[in-house]
Amino acid sequence: MFIQTESTPNPATLKFLPGQTVLELGTADFPTPDTASGSPLATRLFAVEGVTGVFFGTDFVTVTKADGVEWDHLKPGLLGAIMEHFQSGQPVMGADHTASSGHAEHTGEDGAIVGQIKELLDSRVRPAVAQDGGDITFHGFDRGVVYLHMQGACAGCPSSTLTLKMGIENLLRHYIPEVTEVRPVA
């Protein structure tokens, strides 16, 4: 098994490409070790000292490291953990995992606008962000403000504010006049 690595715009995050499917559908975010219990692979990765976050896409694993920890020291343990996991035959996610779009549900009078927002996110934003090892999902819409949740390499990325304001906000405002601003949520 050959696992490729790619840097991301976030220097604290590295993208691992195992050369096979990680998740059939959707994404899975584990921002802390406490959230990893539903995934044998995430649990294994958090066992490597210095790991502070794990994120899965369809064909990649993104790992976030603690400040002060060098990738040169962390990378061999992570490569070993990923390789051991896929060779063990264990599932990436536990049986209780159900795939979803990642977007929050929205009911109310703005349903048509929210539908357009989600469509633009899915067709234009999320594929590009996945290339960088992350994901951005719809969290809410209130009085012209779109709230988005950033995951994986996007969470805590130094360029995430620029991505939100100059990229996503401009895109949404261009296609949907009702959108006035985009803000991140934790």
Protein backbone atom coordinates (compact mmCIF):
# COMPACT_ATOMS: atom_id res chain seq x y z
CA MET A 1 0.00 0.00 0.00
CA PHE A 2 1.35 3.41 -0.99
CA ILE A 3 -0.01 6.46 0.84
CA GLN A 4 0.59 9.86 -0.70
CA THR A 5 0.67 13.06 1.35
CA GLU A 6 -0.19 16.58 0.27
CA SER A 7 0.30 19.83 2.10
CA THR A 8 -2.75 22.04 2.62
CA PRO A 9 -3.10 25.82 2.93
CA ASN A 10 -3.26 25.20 6.69
CA PRO A 11 0.30 24.49 7.91
CA ALA A 12 -1.09 22.58 10.92
CA THR A 13 -2.90 20.12 8.64
CA LEU A 14 -1.66 17.42 6.28
CA LYS A 15 -3.72 15.45 3.75
CA PHE A 16 -3.17 11.69 3.37
CA LEU A 17 -4.31 9.85 0.21
CA PRO A 18 -4.42 6.09 0.85
CA GLY A 19 -5.28 5.25 -2.76
CA GLN A 20 -8.63 3.75 -1.85
CA THR A 21 -12.06 4.83 -0.66
CA VAL A 22 -12.12 6.26 2.85
CA LEU A 23 -15.84 7.14 3.01
CA GLU A 24 -18.40 6.03 0.45
CA LEU A 25 -20.43 9.21 0.91
CA GLY A 26 -20.07 12.52 2.70
CA THR A 27 -17.46 13.49 5.24
CA ALA A 28 -16.70 12.84 8.91
CA ASP A 29 -15.12 15.37 11.26
CA PHE A 30 -13.41 14.52 14.55
CA PRO A 31 -12.25 17.81 16.09
CA THR A 32 -11.18 16.16 19.37
CA PRO A 33 -10.21 12.67 20.57
CA ASP A 34 -13.53 12.46 22.47
CA THR A 35 -15.46 12.57 19.18
CA ALA A 36 -13.53 9.68 17.59
CA SER A 37 -15.20 6.76 19.37
CA GLY A 38 -17.42 6.03 16.34
CA SER A 39 -14.44 5.44 14.08
CA PRO A 40 -11.72 2.81 14.49
CA LEU A 41 -9.44 4.75 12.11
CA ALA A 42 -9.91 8.11 13.88
CA THR A 43 -9.27 6.43 17.24
CA ARG A 44 -6.05 4.92 15.85
CA LEU A 45 -4.89 8.30 14.51
CA PHE A 46 -5.58 10.12 17.78
CA ALA A 47 -3.38 7.52 19.49
CA VAL A 48 -0.41 9.12 17.70
CA GLU A 49 0.93 11.76 20.07
CA GLY A 50 0.49 15.29 18.73
CA VAL A 51 -2.72 14.73 16.74
CA THR A 52 -5.45 17.26 17.56
CA GLY A 53 -7.97 16.68 14.76
CA VAL A 54 -8.98 14.13 12.13
CA PHE A 55 -11.21 14.57 9.08
CA PHE A 56 -12.31 12.04 6.43
CA GLY A 57 -13.39 12.70 2.85
CA THR A 58 -14.29 10.17 0.19
CA ASP A 59 -10.67 9.46 -0.74
CA PHE A 60 -8.56 11.27 1.84
CA VAL A 61 -7.73 11.62 5.52
CA THR A 62 -6.76 15.01 6.91
CA VAL A 63 -4.85 15.22 10.19
CA THR A 64 -4.29 18.36 12.26
CA LYS A 65 -1.29 18.54 14.59
CA ALA A 66 -0.65 20.41 17.82
CA ASP A 67 1.44 23.58 17.84
CA GLY A 68 5.14 22.88 18.32
CA VAL A 69 4.95 19.36 16.86
CA GLU A 70 6.91 18.87 13.64
CA TRP A 71 5.48 16.92 10.69
CA ASP A 72 8.81 15.12 10.30
CA HIS A 73 8.25 13.51 13.71
CA LEU A 74 4.51 12.90 13.33
CA LYS A 75 4.24 11.69 9.73
CA PRO A 76 5.83 8.21 10.11
CA GLY A 77 3.44 7.27 12.93
CA LEU A 78 0.44 8.51 10.97
CA LEU A 79 1.45 6.65 7.81
CA GLY A 80 1.89 3.49 9.89
CA ALA A 81 -1.49 3.92 11.60
CA ILE A 82 -3.31 4.46 8.29
CA MET A 83 -1.57 1.51 6.64
CA GLU A 84 -2.24 -0.80 9.61
CA HIS A 85 -5.88 0.20 9.64
CA PHE A 86 -6.55 -0.48 5.97
CA GLN A 87 -4.62 -3.75 6.09
CA SER A 88 -6.59 -4.89 9.16
CA GLY A 89 -9.86 -4.94 7.23
CA GLN A 90 -11.63 -2.93 9.93
CA PRO A 91 -14.22 -0.40 8.77
CA VAL A 92 -13.31 3.29 8.79
CA MET A 93 -16.57 4.11 10.58
CA GLY A 94 -18.56 2.14 13.12
CA ALA A 95 -21.89 0.55 12.23
CA ASP A 96 -23.85 3.46 13.72
CA HIS A 97 -22.45 5.99 11.19
CA THR A 98 -24.95 7.29 8.67
CA ALA A 99 -23.83 9.42 5.74
CA SER A 100 -25.36 12.84 5.31
CA SER A 101 -24.86 15.88 3.12
CA GLY A 102 -23.26 17.63 6.06
CA HIS A 103 -25.60 20.59 5.67
CA ALA A 104 -27.87 21.66 8.51
CA GLU A 105 -31.59 21.36 7.87
CA HIS A 106 -33.45 24.62 7.30
CA THR A 107 -37.18 25.06 7.49
CA GLY A 108 -39.01 28.31 7.03
CA GLU A 109 -39.75 31.05 4.59
CA ASP A 110 -36.24 31.17 3.14
CA GLY A 111 -36.35 27.57 1.91
CA ALA A 112 -35.83 28.46 -1.77
CA ILE A 113 -32.85 30.71 -0.97
CA VAL A 114 -31.30 28.07 1.29
CA GLY A 115 -31.75 25.49 -1.48
CA GLN A 116 -29.81 27.75 -3.86
CA ILE A 117 -27.08 28.30 -1.25
CA LYS A 118 -26.66 24.56 -0.67
CA GLU A 119 -26.60 23.87 -4.42
CA LEU A 120 -23.85 26.46 -4.98
CA LEU A 121 -21.86 25.11 -2.04
CA ASP A 122 -22.16 21.54 -3.34
CA SER A 123 -21.35 22.34 -6.97
CA ARG A 124 -18.78 25.13 -6.71
CA VAL A 125 -17.28 25.36 -3.22
CA ARG A 126 -17.06 21.92 -1.61
CA PRO A 127 -15.17 20.18 -4.47
CA ALA A 128 -12.49 22.89 -4.40
CA VAL A 129 -12.23 22.84 -0.62
CA ALA A 130 -11.96 19.02 -0.62
CA GLN A 131 -8.85 19.41 -2.80
CA ASP A 132 -7.32 21.25 0.16
CA GLY A 133 -8.35 18.53 2.64
CA GLY A 134 -11.42 20.14 4.16
CA ASP A 135 -15.11 20.81 3.85
CA ILE A 136 -17.50 23.72 4.28
CA THR A 137 -21.14 23.04 5.11
CA PHE A 138 -24.25 25.16 5.47
CA HIS A 139 -25.14 25.92 9.08
CA GLY A 140 -27.83 28.59 8.81
CA PHE A 141 -29.30 31.62 7.05
CA ASP A 142 -30.70 34.60 8.89
CA ARG A 143 -31.54 38.07 7.50
CA GLY A 144 -29.11 37.86 4.61
CA VAL A 145 -26.26 36.28 6.59
CA VAL A 146 -25.10 32.78 5.62
CA TYR A 147 -23.44 30.80 8.42
CA LEU A 148 -20.97 28.12 7.32
CA HIS A 149 -19.17 25.42 9.28
CA MET A 150 -15.54 24.83 8.32
CA GLN A 151 -14.03 21.37 8.84
CA GLY A 152 -10.77 19.52 8.29
CA ALA A 153 -7.96 21.65 6.88
CA CYS A 154 -10.34 24.64 6.68
CA ALA A 155 -10.89 24.81 10.43
CA GLY A 156 -8.27 27.15 11.82
CA CYS A 157 -6.62 27.78 8.46
CA PRO A 158 -4.90 31.17 8.26
CA SER A 159 -6.47 31.81 4.83
CA SER A 160 -9.99 30.67 5.81
CA THR A 161 -11.25 34.21 6.44
CA LEU A 162 -10.04 35.28 3.01
CA THR A 163 -11.64 32.19 1.46
CA LEU A 164 -14.95 32.96 3.15
CA LYS A 165 -15.04 36.69 2.45
CA MET A 166 -13.40 37.02 -0.94
CA GLY A 167 -14.36 33.69 -2.42
CA ILE A 168 -17.54 32.20 -1.04
CA GLU A 169 -19.25 35.45 -0.03
CA ASN A 170 -18.63 36.98 -3.46
CA LEU A 171 -19.88 33.83 -5.21
CA LEU A 172 -23.08 33.62 -3.15
CA ARG A 173 -23.79 37.36 -3.42
CA HIS A 174 -23.32 37.20 -7.21
CA TYR A 175 -25.86 34.42 -7.70
CA ILE A 176 -28.21 35.11 -4.78
CA PRO A 177 -28.95 38.82 -4.21
CA GLU A 178 -30.56 38.08 -0.82
CA VAL A 179 -27.16 37.07 0.58
CA THR A 180 -25.38 40.03 2.18
CA GLU A 181 -22.64 38.35 4.21
CA VAL A 182 -20.99 35.02 5.02
CA ARG A 183 -19.78 34.18 8.55
CA PRO A 184 -18.08 31.10 10.02
CA VAL A 185 -19.50 29.16 12.98
CA ALA A 186 -17.48 27.08 15.41
